[in-house]
Each structure stands twice: as C-alpha cells, then as structure tokens.
Amino acid sequence: NVDGNGSGSLNYSLTGKIKPSSTYRVRAMIKTING
C-alpha cells in the first residue's frame, strides 16, 4: 500500500442492475489484512 494509493480494486458493473431512486442492500463476507 504505497502513499495511500492502494494496490488493487475489484469492480462489479451495476449497469442495467440499478434504477433511479431505489434502495439496495449489499452483504459480503470480507477478510482484511494489515488494516
């Protein structure tokens, strides 16, 4: 993790999956290392 710039990003497209003025719930299992 250099100068706060990070070393990776996993992106998931929400194109066609979300609508205006709508509510969504997200849940995932996460394990983080060193912060």
PDB file of all heavy atoms in Angstrom:
ATOM      1  N   ASN A   1       0.869  -1.169   0.000  1.00  0.00           N
ATOM      2  CA  ASN A   1       0.000   0.000   0.000  1.00  0.00           C
ATOM      3  C   ASN A   1       0.911   1.225   0.000  1.00  0.00           C
ATOM      4  O   ASN A   1       1.510   1.563   1.017  1.00  0.00           O
ATOM      5  CB  ASN A   1      -0.910   0.011   1.228  1.00  0.00           C
ATOM      6  CG  ASN A   1      -1.986   1.083   1.132  1.00  0.00           C
ATOM      7  OD1 ASN A   1      -1.694   2.239   0.932  1.00  0.00           O
ATOM      8  ND2 ASN A   1      -3.222   0.679   1.295  1.00  0.00           N
ATOM      9  N   VAL A   2       1.068   1.840  -1.147  1.00  0.00           N
ATOM     10  CA  VAL A   2       2.055   2.901  -1.322  1.00  0.00           C
ATOM     11  C   VAL A   2       1.355   4.255  -1.365  1.00  0.00           C
ATOM     12  O   VAL A   2       0.504   4.505  -2.225  1.00  0.00           O
ATOM     13  CB  VAL A   2       2.867   2.678  -2.624  1.00  0.00           C
ATOM     14  CG1 VAL A   2       3.897   3.790  -2.777  1.00  0.00           C
ATOM     15  CG2 VAL A   2       3.543   1.320  -2.593  1.00  0.00           C
ATOM     16  N   ASP A   3       1.695   5.139  -0.404  1.00  0.00           N
ATOM     17  CA  ASP A   3       1.179   6.516  -0.386  1.00  0.00           C
ATOM     18  C   ASP A   3      -0.341   6.567  -0.425  1.00  0.00           C
ATOM     19  O   ASP A   3      -0.938   7.486  -0.996  1.00  0.00           O
ATOM     20  CB  ASP A   3       1.749   7.316  -1.569  1.00  0.00           C
ATOM     21  CG  ASP A   3       3.266   7.469  -1.475  1.00  0.00           C
ATOM     22  OD1 ASP A   3       3.765   7.514  -0.340  1.00  0.00           O
ATOM     23  OD2 ASP A   3       3.918   7.530  -2.534  1.00  0.00           O
ATOM     24  N   GLY A   4      -0.993   5.566   0.156  1.00  0.00           N
ATOM     25  CA  GLY A   4      -2.451   5.574   0.201  1.00  0.00           C
ATOM     26  C   GLY A   4      -3.112   5.286  -1.120  1.00  0.00           C
ATOM     27  O   GLY A   4      -4.332   5.403  -1.252  1.00  0.00           O
ATOM     28  N   ASN A   5      -2.350   4.906  -2.147  1.00  0.00           N
ATOM     29  CA  ASN A   5      -2.928   4.672  -3.465  1.00  0.00           C
ATOM     30  C   ASN A   5      -3.465   3.267  -3.643  1.00  0.00           C
ATOM     31  O   ASN A   5      -4.106   2.975  -4.637  1.00  0.00           O
ATOM     32  CB  ASN A   5      -1.894   4.959  -4.555  1.00  0.00           C
ATOM     33  CG  ASN A   5      -1.575   6.444  -4.645  1.00  0.00           C
ATOM     34  OD1 ASN A   5      -2.441   7.270  -4.403  1.00  0.00           O
ATOM     35  ND2 ASN A   5      -0.339   6.765  -4.961  1.00  0.00           N
ATOM     36  N   GLY A   6      -3.177   2.387  -2.718  1.00  0.00           N
ATOM     37  CA  GLY A   6      -3.708   1.045  -2.818  1.00  0.00           C
ATOM     38  C   GLY A   6      -2.996   0.212  -3.854  1.00  0.00           C
ATOM     39  O   GLY A   6      -2.090   0.660  -4.547  1.00  0.00           O
ATOM     40  N   SER A   7      -3.399  -1.041  -3.944  1.00  0.00           N
ATOM     41  CA  SER A   7      -2.739  -1.949  -4.874  1.00  0.00           C
ATOM     42  C   SER A   7      -3.714  -2.839  -5.619  1.00  0.00           C
ATOM     43  O   SER A   7      -3.321  -3.834  -6.210  1.00  0.00           O
ATOM     44  CB  SER A   7      -1.736  -2.830  -4.111  1.00  0.00           C
ATOM     45  OG  SER A   7      -2.401  -3.551  -3.086  1.00  0.00           O
ATOM     46  N   GLY A   8      -4.981  -2.481  -5.620  1.00  0.00           N
ATOM     47  CA  GLY A   8      -5.934  -3.277  -6.379  1.00  0.00           C
ATOM     48  C   GLY A   8      -7.359  -2.863  -6.122  1.00  0.00           C
ATOM     49  O   GLY A   8      -7.691  -2.349  -5.043  1.00  0.00           O
ATOM     50  N   SER A   9      -8.211  -3.081  -7.109  1.00  0.00           N
ATOM     51  CA  SER A   9      -9.639  -2.809  -6.968  1.00  0.00           C
ATOM     52  C   SER A   9     -10.409  -3.845  -7.770  1.00  0.00           C
ATOM     53  O   SER A   9     -10.132  -4.066  -8.955  1.00  0.00           O
ATOM     54  CB  SER A   9      -9.990  -1.408  -7.473  1.00  0.00           C
ATOM     55  OG  SER A   9     -11.379  -1.140  -7.303  1.00  0.00           O
ATOM     56  N   LEU A  10     -11.360  -4.487  -7.116  1.00  0.00           N
ATOM     57  CA  LEU A  10     -12.257  -5.442  -7.779  1.00  0.00           C
ATOM     58  C   LEU A  10     -13.564  -4.716  -8.052  1.00  0.00           C
ATOM     59  O   LEU A  10     -14.265  -4.307  -7.129  1.00  0.00           O
ATOM     60  CB  LEU A  10     -12.496  -6.648  -6.876  1.00  0.00           C
ATOM     61  CG  LEU A  10     -13.370  -7.758  -7.455  1.00  0.00           C
ATOM     62  CD1 LEU A  10     -12.660  -8.466  -8.601  1.00  0.00           C
ATOM     63  CD2 LEU A  10     -13.746  -8.777  -6.374  1.00  0.00           C
ATOM     64  N   ASN A  11     -13.887  -4.540  -9.330  1.00  0.00           N
ATOM     65  CA  ASN A  11     -15.062  -3.758  -9.730  1.00  0.00           C
ATOM     66  C   ASN A  11     -16.154  -4.657 -10.290  1.00  0.00           C
ATOM     67  O   ASN A  11     -15.868  -5.612 -11.023  1.00  0.00           O
ATOM     68  CB  ASN A  11     -14.685  -2.725 -10.788  1.00  0.00           C
ATOM     69  CG  ASN A  11     -13.714  -1.686 -10.269  1.00  0.00           C
ATOM     70  OD1 ASN A  11     -13.393  -1.661  -9.088  1.00  0.00           O
ATOM     71  ND2 ASN A  11     -13.233  -0.830 -11.154  1.00  0.00           N
ATOM     72  N   TYR A  12     -17.403  -4.318  -9.956  1.00  0.00           N
ATOM     73  CA  TYR A  12     -18.555  -5.051 -10.479  1.00  0.00           C
ATOM     74  C   TYR A  12     -19.509  -4.043 -11.107  1.00  0.00           C
ATOM     75  O   TYR A  12     -19.997  -3.125 -10.435  1.00  0.00           O
ATOM     76  CB  TYR A  12     -19.259  -5.829  -9.375  1.00  0.00           C
ATOM     77  CG  TYR A  12     -20.406  -6.683  -9.883  1.00  0.00           C
ATOM     78  CD1 TYR A  12     -20.162  -7.851 -10.591  1.00  0.00           C
ATOM     79  CD2 TYR A  12     -21.730  -6.303  -9.667  1.00  0.00           C
ATOM     80  CE1 TYR A  12     -21.204  -8.630 -11.063  1.00  0.00           C
ATOM     81  CE2 TYR A  12     -22.780  -7.074 -10.139  1.00  0.00           C
ATOM     82  CZ  TYR A  12     -22.505  -8.234 -10.836  1.00  0.00           C
ATOM     83  OH  TYR A  12     -23.540  -9.004 -11.320  1.00  0.00           O
ATOM     84  N   SER A  13     -19.790  -4.211 -12.386  1.00  0.00           N
ATOM     85  CA  SER A  13     -20.635  -3.257 -13.097  1.00  0.00           C
ATOM     86  C   SER A  13     -22.074  -3.341 -12.615  1.00  0.00           C
ATOM     87  O   SER A  13     -22.648  -4.421 -12.486  1.00  0.00           O
ATOM     88  CB  SER A  13     -20.586  -3.539 -14.604  1.00  0.00           C
ATOM     89  OG  SER A  13     -21.526  -2.707 -15.287  1.00  0.00           O
ATOM     90  N   LEU A  14     -22.660  -2.168 -12.352  1.00  0.00           N
ATOM     91  CA  LEU A  14     -24.064  -2.082 -11.973  1.00  0.00           C
ATOM     92  C   LEU A  14     -24.928  -1.560 -13.116  1.00  0.00           C
ATOM     93  O   LEU A  14     -26.109  -1.265 -12.909  1.00  0.00           O
ATOM     94  CB  LEU A  14     -24.219  -1.173 -10.746  1.00  0.00           C
ATOM     95  CG  LEU A  14     -23.503  -1.641  -9.471  1.00  0.00           C
ATOM     96  CD1 LEU A  14     -23.734  -0.639  -8.346  1.00  0.00           C
ATOM     97  CD2 LEU A  14     -23.966  -3.030  -9.059  1.00  0.00           C
ATOM     98  N   THR A  15     -24.348  -1.471 -14.312  1.00  0.00           N
ATOM     99  CA  THR A  15     -25.108  -1.021 -15.472  1.00  0.00           C
ATOM    100  C   THR A  15     -26.263  -1.982 -15.732  1.00  0.00           C
ATOM    101  O   THR A  15     -26.064  -3.200 -15.850  1.00  0.00           O
ATOM    102  CB  THR A  15     -24.213  -0.947 -16.716  1.00  0.00           C
ATOM    103  OG1 THR A  15     -23.134  -0.041 -16.462  1.00  0.00           O
ATOM    104  CG2 THR A  15     -24.999  -0.469 -17.924  1.00  0.00           C
ATOM    105  N   GLY A  16     -27.466  -1.448 -15.815  1.00  0.00           N
ATOM    106  CA  GLY A  16     -28.648  -2.281 -16.039  1.00  0.00           C
ATOM    107  C   GLY A  16     -29.132  -3.003 -14.804  1.00  0.00           C
ATOM    108  O   GLY A  16     -30.126  -3.745 -14.871  1.00  0.00           O
ATOM    109  N   LYS A  17     -28.464  -2.815 -13.663  1.00  0.00           N
ATOM    110  CA  LYS A  17     -28.846  -3.518 -12.441  1.00  0.00           C
ATOM    111  C   LYS A  17     -29.476  -2.600 -11.401  1.00  0.00           C
ATOM    112  O   LYS A  17     -30.157  -3.071 -10.489  1.00  0.00           O
ATOM    113  CB  LYS A  17     -27.627  -4.229 -11.841  1.00  0.00           C
ATOM    114  CG  LYS A  17     -27.057  -5.327 -12.735  1.00  0.00           C
ATOM    115  CD  LYS A  17     -25.874  -6.021 -12.085  1.00  0.00           C
ATOM    116  CE  LYS A  17     -25.290  -7.103 -12.995  1.00  0.00           C
ATOM    117  NZ  LYS A  17     -26.242  -8.214 -13.216  1.00  0.00           N
ATOM    118  N   ILE A  18     -29.215  -1.302 -11.480  1.00  0.00           N
ATOM    119  CA  ILE A  18     -29.811  -0.379 -10.519  1.00  0.00           C
ATOM    120  C   ILE A  18     -30.734   0.595 -11.235  1.00  0.00           C
ATOM    121  O   ILE A  18     -30.564   0.878 -12.413  1.00  0.00           O
ATOM    122  CB  ILE A  18     -28.748   0.381  -9.705  1.00  0.00           C
ATOM    123  CG1 ILE A  18     -27.849   1.221 -10.632  1.00  0.00           C
ATOM    124  CG2 ILE A  18     -27.918  -0.582  -8.873  1.00  0.00           C
ATOM    125  CD1 ILE A  18     -26.882   2.113  -9.859  1.00  0.00           C
ATOM    126  N   LYS A  19     -31.704   1.121 -10.482  1.00  0.00           N
ATOM    127  CA  LYS A  19     -32.697   2.038 -11.019  1.00  0.00           C
ATOM    128  C   LYS A  19     -32.653   3.344 -10.229  1.00  0.00           C
ATOM    129  O   LYS A  19     -32.163   3.374  -9.100  1.00  0.00           O
ATOM    130  CB  LYS A  19     -34.091   1.410 -10.920  1.00  0.00           C
ATOM    131  CG  LYS A  19     -34.241   0.107 -11.688  1.00  0.00           C
ATOM    132  CD  LYS A  19     -35.628  -0.478 -11.561  1.00  0.00           C
ATOM    133  CE  LYS A  19     -35.926  -0.915 -10.144  1.00  0.00           C
ATOM    134  NZ  LYS A  19     -37.201  -1.667 -10.025  1.00  0.00           N
ATOM    135  N   PRO A  20     -33.176   4.413 -10.793  1.00  0.00           N
ATOM    136  CA  PRO A  20     -33.193   5.681 -10.060  1.00  0.00           C
ATOM    137  C   PRO A  20     -34.037   5.592  -8.795  1.00  0.00           C
ATOM    138  O   PRO A  20     -35.043   4.873  -8.737  1.00  0.00           O
ATOM    139  CB  PRO A  20     -33.812   6.662 -11.066  1.00  0.00           C
ATOM    140  CG  PRO A  20     -33.640   6.018 -12.401  1.00  0.00           C
ATOM    141  CD  PRO A  20     -33.708   4.550 -12.163  1.00  0.00           C
ATOM    142  N   SER A  21     -33.620   6.323  -7.768  1.00  0.00           N
ATOM    143  CA  SER A  21     -34.382   6.494  -6.521  1.00  0.00           C
ATOM    144  C   SER A  21     -34.850   5.162  -5.958  1.00  0.00           C
ATOM    145  O   SER A  21     -36.002   4.998  -5.559  1.00  0.00           O
ATOM    146  CB  SER A  21     -35.576   7.425  -6.764  1.00  0.00           C
ATOM    147  OG  SER A  21     -35.151   8.665  -7.289  1.00  0.00           O
ATOM    148  N   SER A  22     -33.946   4.198  -5.923  1.00  0.00           N
ATOM    149  CA  SER A  22     -34.259   2.857  -5.424  1.00  0.00           C
ATOM    150  C   SER A  22     -33.239   2.467  -4.354  1.00  0.00           C
ATOM    151  O   SER A  22     -32.105   2.941  -4.353  1.00  0.00           O
ATOM    152  CB  SER A  22     -34.236   1.831  -6.562  1.00  0.00           C
ATOM    153  OG  SER A  22     -35.197   2.152  -7.555  1.00  0.00           O
ATOM    154  N   THR A  23     -33.657   1.588  -3.462  1.00  0.00           N
ATOM    155  CA  THR A  23     -32.821   1.186  -2.340  1.00  0.00           C
ATOM    156  C   THR A  23     -32.318  -0.239  -2.537  1.00  0.00           C
ATOM    157  O   THR A  23     -33.071  -1.118  -2.978  1.00  0.00           O
ATOM    158  CB  THR A  23     -33.597   1.290  -1.017  1.00  0.00           C
ATOM    159  OG1 THR A  23     -34.044   2.635  -0.849  1.00  0.00           O
ATOM    160  CG2 THR A  23     -32.740   0.898   0.173  1.00  0.00           C
ATOM    161  N   TYR A  24     -31.043  -0.453  -2.198  1.00  0.00           N
ATOM    162  CA  TYR A  24     -30.403  -1.753  -2.376  1.00  0.00           C
ATOM    163  C   TYR A  24     -29.667  -2.139  -1.094  1.00  0.00           C
ATOM    164  O   TYR A  24     -29.118  -1.286  -0.384  1.00  0.00           O
ATOM    165  CB  TYR A  24     -29.424  -1.713  -3.553  1.00  0.00           C
ATOM    166  CG  TYR A  24     -30.120  -1.410  -4.857  1.00  0.00           C
ATOM    167  CD1 TYR A  24     -30.327  -0.092  -5.251  1.00  0.00           C
ATOM    168  CD2 TYR A  24     -30.616  -2.429  -5.664  1.00  0.00           C
ATOM    169  CE1 TYR A  24     -30.994   0.199  -6.425  1.00  0.00           C
ATOM    170  CE2 TYR A  24     -31.284  -2.139  -6.846  1.00  0.00           C
ATOM    171  CZ  TYR A  24     -31.475  -0.828  -7.213  1.00  0.00           C
ATOM    172  OH  TYR A  24     -32.144  -0.536  -8.378  1.00  0.00           O
ATOM    173  N   ARG A  25     -29.683  -3.429  -0.820  1.00  0.00           N
ATOM    174  CA  ARG A  25     -28.931  -3.950   0.322  1.00  0.00           C
ATOM    175  C   ARG A  25     -27.782  -4.800  -0.203  1.00  0.00           C
ATOM    176  O   ARG A  25     -27.969  -5.638  -1.086  1.00  0.00           O
ATOM    177  CB  ARG A  25     -29.817  -4.781   1.239  1.00  0.00           C
ATOM    178  CG  ARG A  25     -29.074  -5.310   2.477  1.00  0.00           C
ATOM    179  CD  ARG A  25     -29.976  -6.126   3.368  1.00  0.00           C
ATOM    180  NE  ARG A  25     -29.237  -6.656   4.515  1.00  0.00           N
ATOM    181  CZ  ARG A  25     -29.747  -7.511   5.400  1.00  0.00           C
ATOM    182  NH1 ARG A  25     -31.002  -7.920   5.279  1.00  0.00           N
ATOM    183  NH2 ARG A  25     -29.012  -7.964   6.410  1.00  0.00           N
ATOM    184  N   VAL A  26     -26.596  -4.590   0.355  1.00  0.00           N
ATOM    185  CA  VAL A  26     -25.393  -5.325  -0.027  1.00  0.00           C
ATOM    186  C   VAL A  26     -24.864  -6.049   1.209  1.00  0.00           C
ATOM    187  O   VAL A  26     -24.791  -5.461   2.296  1.00  0.00           O
ATOM    188  CB  VAL A  26     -24.311  -4.371  -0.578  1.00  0.00           C
ATOM    189  CG1 VAL A  26     -23.017  -5.137  -0.878  1.00  0.00           C
ATOM    190  CG2 VAL A  26     -24.817  -3.667  -1.837  1.00  0.00           C
ATOM    191  N   ARG A  27     -24.508  -7.306   1.030  1.00  0.00           N
ATOM    192  CA  ARG A  27     -23.839  -8.046   2.099  1.00  0.00           C
ATOM    193  C   ARG A  27     -22.746  -8.909   1.478  1.00  0.00           C
ATOM    194  O   ARG A  27     -22.944  -9.530   0.436  1.00  0.00           O
ATOM    195  CB  ARG A  27     -24.807  -8.940   2.878  1.00  0.00           C
ATOM    196  CG  ARG A  27     -24.125  -9.634   4.079  1.00  0.00           C
ATOM    197  CD  ARG A  27     -25.098 -10.472   4.874  1.00  0.00           C
ATOM    198  NE  ARG A  27     -25.473 -11.683   4.164  1.00  0.00           N
ATOM    199  CZ  ARG A  27     -26.173 -12.686   4.697  1.00  0.00           C
ATOM    200  NH1 ARG A  27     -26.589 -12.598   5.954  1.00  0.00           N
ATOM    201  NH2 ARG A  27     -26.482 -13.752   3.994  1.00  0.00           N
ATOM    202  N   ALA A  28     -21.585  -8.939   2.121  1.00  0.00           N
ATOM    203  CA  ALA A  28     -20.481  -9.776   1.662  1.00  0.00           C
ATOM    204  C   ALA A  28     -19.649 -10.175   2.865  1.00  0.00           C
ATOM    205  O   ALA A  28     -19.595  -9.462   3.878  1.00  0.00           O
ATOM    206  CB  ALA A  28     -19.613  -9.028   0.650  1.00  0.00           C
ATOM    207  N   MET A  29     -18.982 -11.329   2.749  1.00  0.00           N
ATOM    208  CA  MET A  29     -18.023 -11.744   3.757  1.00  0.00           C
ATOM    209  C   MET A  29     -16.655 -11.224   3.336  1.00  0.00           C
ATOM    210  O   MET A  29     -16.223 -11.429   2.187  1.00  0.00           O
ATOM    211  CB  MET A  29     -18.009 -13.261   3.901  1.00  0.00           C
ATOM    212  CG  MET A  29     -19.303 -13.846   4.441  1.00  0.00           C
ATOM    213  SD  MET A  29     -19.814 -13.185   6.060  1.00  0.00           S
ATOM    214  CE  MET A  29     -18.396 -13.641   7.084  1.00  0.00           C
ATOM    215  N   ILE A  30     -15.979 -10.541   4.262  1.00  0.00           N
ATOM    216  CA  ILE A  30     -14.714  -9.873   3.963  1.00  0.00           C
ATOM    217  C   ILE A  30     -13.666 -10.297   4.992  1.00  0.00           C
ATOM    218  O   ILE A  30     -13.968 -10.442   6.182  1.00  0.00           O
ATOM    219  CB  ILE A  30     -14.869  -8.337   4.017  1.00  0.00           C
ATOM    220  CG1 ILE A  30     -16.025  -7.861   3.102  1.00  0.00           C
ATOM    221  CG2 ILE A  30     -13.565  -7.655   3.665  1.00  0.00           C
ATOM    222  CD1 ILE A  30     -15.721  -7.957   1.635  1.00  0.00           C
ATOM    223  N   LYS A  31     -12.441 -10.466   4.536  1.00  0.00           N
ATOM    224  CA  LYS A  31     -11.295 -10.620   5.436  1.00  0.00           C
ATOM    225  C   LYS A  31     -10.213  -9.654   4.989  1.00  0.00           C
ATOM    226  O   LYS A  31      -9.769  -9.695   3.840  1.00  0.00           O
ATOM    227  CB  LYS A  31     -10.752 -12.052   5.415  1.00  0.00           C
ATOM    228  CG  LYS A  31      -9.578 -12.244   6.376  1.00  0.00           C
ATOM    229  CD  LYS A  31      -9.190 -13.710   6.534  1.00  0.00           C
ATOM    230  CE  LYS A  31      -8.329 -14.198   5.423  1.00  0.00           C
ATOM    231  NZ  LYS A  31      -7.726 -15.521   5.718  1.00  0.00           N
ATOM    232  N   THR A  32      -9.797  -8.737   5.873  1.00  0.00           N
ATOM    233  CA  THR A  32      -8.775  -7.748   5.517  1.00  0.00           C
ATOM    234  C   THR A  32      -7.486  -8.021   6.286  1.00  0.00           C
ATOM    235  O   THR A  32      -7.514  -8.514   7.414  1.00  0.00           O
ATOM    236  CB  THR A  32      -9.243  -6.312   5.809  1.00  0.00           C
ATOM    237  OG1 THR A  32      -9.349  -6.116   7.238  1.00  0.00           O
ATOM    238  CG2 THR A  32     -10.589  -6.036   5.170  1.00  0.00           C
ATOM    239  N   ILE A  33      -6.371  -7.678   5.656  1.00  0.00           N
ATOM    240  CA  ILE A  33      -5.048  -7.894   6.223  1.00  0.00           C
ATOM    241  C   ILE A  33      -4.365  -6.544   6.427  1.00  0.00           C
ATOM    242  O   ILE A  33      -4.367  -5.695   5.519  1.00  0.00           O
ATOM    243  CB  ILE A  33      -4.188  -8.779   5.293  1.00  0.00           C
ATOM    244  CG1 ILE A  33      -4.935 -10.073   4.931  1.00  0.00           C
ATOM    245  CG2 ILE A  33      -2.835  -9.097   5.938  1.00  0.00           C
ATOM    246  CD1 ILE A  33      -5.264 -10.963   6.096  1.00  0.00           C
ATOM    247  N   ASN A  34      -3.801  -6.328   7.605  1.00  0.00           N
ATOM    248  CA  ASN A  34      -2.990  -5.136   7.923  1.00  0.00           C
ATOM    249  C   ASN A  34      -3.762  -3.833   7.789  1.00  0.00           C
ATOM    250  O   ASN A  34      -3.193  -2.806   7.418  1.00  0.00           O
ATOM    251  CB  ASN A  34      -1.735  -5.076   7.038  1.00  0.00           C
ATOM    252  CG  ASN A  34      -0.819  -6.258   7.271  1.00  0.00           C
ATOM    253  OD1 ASN A  34      -0.726  -6.760   8.389  1.00  0.00           O
ATOM    254  ND2 ASN A  34      -0.142  -6.708   6.228  1.00  0.00           N
ATOM    255  N   GLY A  35      -5.046  -3.850   8.087  1.00  0.00           N
ATOM    256  CA  GLY A  35      -5.816  -2.608   8.037  1.00  0.00           C
ATOM    257  C   GLY A  35      -7.126  -2.775   7.289  1.00  0.00           C
ATOM    258  O   GLY A  35      -7.621  -3.886   7.092  1.00  0.00           O
TER     259      GLY A  35
END
